[in-house]
Each structure stands twice: as C-alpha cells, then as structure tokens.
Amino acid sequence: MVYNNRIWITQNIDGRVYNGINSFMLFLLQEERSFQTPVYMTFPQAKKQGLHINKGASAFLSYFGIL
C-alpha cells in the first residue's frame, strides 16, 4: 500500500507482514517519526543480526495475542 508516495506495509526484519492493530500502530509511528522504511525488529532479532542498539534508544510496544 502507498501513502504519501511511500510504501507502508509494515513488516519485521524477516519479511513477516504485521497485521491488525500492530500494523496500524506501526504505521502511525512511522508517520509520526518520519521513518523512511517500514521494517521493524525486536531486540533479540537485532542481536541475532549482530546490530548494536544505541544507548537511550526507545522501543515501541506491540501486541501479541493467541486466540
């Protein structure tokens, strides 16, 4: 999907597309902070990729539910 000439299909670093409230909330976060890429990851995913998290960086809460 395209909005403001940008793709906003939110997904994790492995390519899994977020759905439901998480997709919507991450889209709002992307717009609020002017992120250019709609790709997100968890702290464990970042560590697995060998990435360093900057001191003072903040996380964004997402919801995981099992029905």
C-alpha atoms as a PDB file:
ATOM      1  CA  MET A   1       0.000   0.000   0.000  1.00  0.00           C
ATOM      2  CA  VAL A   2       1.260   3.507  -0.787  1.00  0.00           C
ATOM      3  CA  TYR A   3       0.602   6.629   1.300  1.00  0.00           C
ATOM      4  CA  ASN A   4       2.348   9.991   0.784  1.00  0.00           C
ATOM      5  CA  ASN A   5       4.372   8.363  -2.019  1.00  0.00           C
ATOM      6  CA  ARG A   6       5.832   5.828   0.432  1.00  0.00           C
ATOM      7  CA  ILE A   7       5.216   2.140   0.895  1.00  0.00           C
ATOM      8  CA  TRP A   8       3.844   1.457   4.366  1.00  0.00           C
ATOM      9  CA  ILE A   9       3.307  -2.291   4.568  1.00  0.00           C
ATOM     10  CA  THR A  10       4.862  -2.846   7.975  1.00  0.00           C
ATOM     11  CA  GLN A  11       6.947  -5.976   8.369  1.00  0.00           C
ATOM     12  CA  ASN A  12       9.637  -7.429  10.566  1.00  0.00           C
ATOM     13  CA  ILE A  13      13.254  -7.925   9.540  1.00  0.00           C
ATOM     14  CA  ASP A  14      12.442 -11.486   8.390  1.00  0.00           C
ATOM     15  CA  GLY A  15       9.755 -10.220   5.986  1.00  0.00           C
ATOM     16  CA  ARG A  16       6.714 -11.257   8.045  1.00  0.00           C
ATOM     17  CA  VAL A  17       3.978  -8.671   7.497  1.00  0.00           C
ATOM     18  CA  TYR A  18       2.360  -7.241  10.616  1.00  0.00           C
ATOM     19  CA  ASN A  19      -1.433  -7.265  10.719  1.00  0.00           C
ATOM     20  CA  GLY A  20      -4.271  -5.953  12.835  1.00  0.00           C
ATOM     21  CA  ILE A  21      -3.600  -3.307  15.455  1.00  0.00           C
ATOM     22  CA  ASN A  22       0.189  -3.720  15.193  1.00  0.00           C
ATOM     23  CA  SER A  23       0.158  -2.799  11.509  1.00  0.00           C
ATOM     24  CA  PHE A  24      -1.908   0.296  12.236  1.00  0.00           C
ATOM     25  CA  MET A  25       0.126   1.367  15.282  1.00  0.00           C
ATOM     26  CA  LEU A  26       3.441   0.897  13.461  1.00  0.00           C
ATOM     27  CA  PHE A  27       2.073   2.925  10.545  1.00  0.00           C
ATOM     28  CA  LEU A  28       1.222   5.768  12.959  1.00  0.00           C
ATOM     29  CA  LEU A  29       4.701   5.533  14.494  1.00  0.00           C
ATOM     30  CA  GLN A  30       6.245   5.632  11.023  1.00  0.00           C
ATOM     31  CA  GLU A  31       4.312   8.796  10.139  1.00  0.00           C
ATOM     32  CA  GLU A  32       4.968  10.480  13.499  1.00  0.00           C
ATOM     33  CA  ARG A  33       8.732   9.904  13.375  1.00  0.00           C
ATOM     34  CA  SER A  34       9.121  10.218   9.569  1.00  0.00           C
ATOM     35  CA  PHE A  35      10.637   6.752   9.190  1.00  0.00           C
ATOM     36  CA  GLN A  36      11.512   6.032   5.562  1.00  0.00           C
ATOM     37  CA  THR A  37      11.412   2.225   5.773  1.00  0.00           C
ATOM     38  CA  PRO A  38       8.524   0.234   7.310  1.00  0.00           C
ATOM     39  CA  VAL A  39      10.728  -2.555   8.679  1.00  0.00           C
ATOM     40  CA  TYR A  40      10.882  -3.253  12.399  1.00  0.00           C
ATOM     41  CA  MET A  41      12.625  -5.756  14.656  1.00  0.00           C
ATOM     42  CA  THR A  42      12.674  -6.987  18.195  1.00  0.00           C
ATOM     43  CA  PHE A  43      15.700  -6.666  20.447  1.00  0.00           C
ATOM     44  CA  PRO A  44      16.509 -10.402  20.040  1.00  0.00           C
ATOM     45  CA  GLN A  45      16.272 -10.041  16.230  1.00  0.00           C
ATOM     46  CA  ALA A  46      18.711  -7.107  16.362  1.00  0.00           C
ATOM     47  CA  LYS A  47      21.165  -9.114  18.477  1.00  0.00           C
ATOM     48  CA  LYS A  48      20.854 -12.073  16.088  1.00  0.00           C
ATOM     49  CA  GLN A  49      21.742  -9.742  13.187  1.00  0.00           C
ATOM     50  CA  GLY A  50      24.786  -8.512  15.137  1.00  0.00           C
ATOM     51  CA  LEU A  51      23.374  -4.998  15.463  1.00  0.00           C
ATOM     52  CA  HIS A  52      24.085  -2.560  18.281  1.00  0.00           C
ATOM     53  CA  ILE A  53      21.237  -0.662  19.946  1.00  0.00           C
ATOM     54  CA  ASN A  54      22.156   2.950  20.678  1.00  0.00           C
ATOM     55  CA  LYS A  55      22.135   3.991  24.318  1.00  0.00           C
ATOM     56  CA  GLY A  56      18.895   5.829  25.046  1.00  0.00           C
ATOM     57  CA  ALA A  57      17.038   4.253  22.111  1.00  0.00           C
ATOM     58  CA  SER A  58      13.397   3.576  22.839  1.00  0.00           C
ATOM     59  CA  ALA A  59      11.170   0.660  21.998  1.00  0.00           C
ATOM     60  CA  PHE A  60       7.621   0.634  20.695  1.00  0.00           C
ATOM     61  CA  LEU A  61       5.077  -1.695  22.247  1.00  0.00           C
ATOM     62  CA  SER A  62       3.323  -4.189  20.006  1.00  0.00           C
ATOM     63  CA  TYR A  63       0.653  -6.698  20.933  1.00  0.00           C
ATOM     64  CA  PHE A  64       0.861 -10.456  20.674  1.00  0.00           C
ATOM     65  CA  GLY A  65      -2.218 -12.473  21.366  1.00  0.00           C
ATOM     66  CA  ILE A  66      -3.146 -16.092  20.973  1.00  0.00           C
ATOM     67  CA  LEU A  67      -6.750 -16.840  20.176  1.00  0.00           C
END
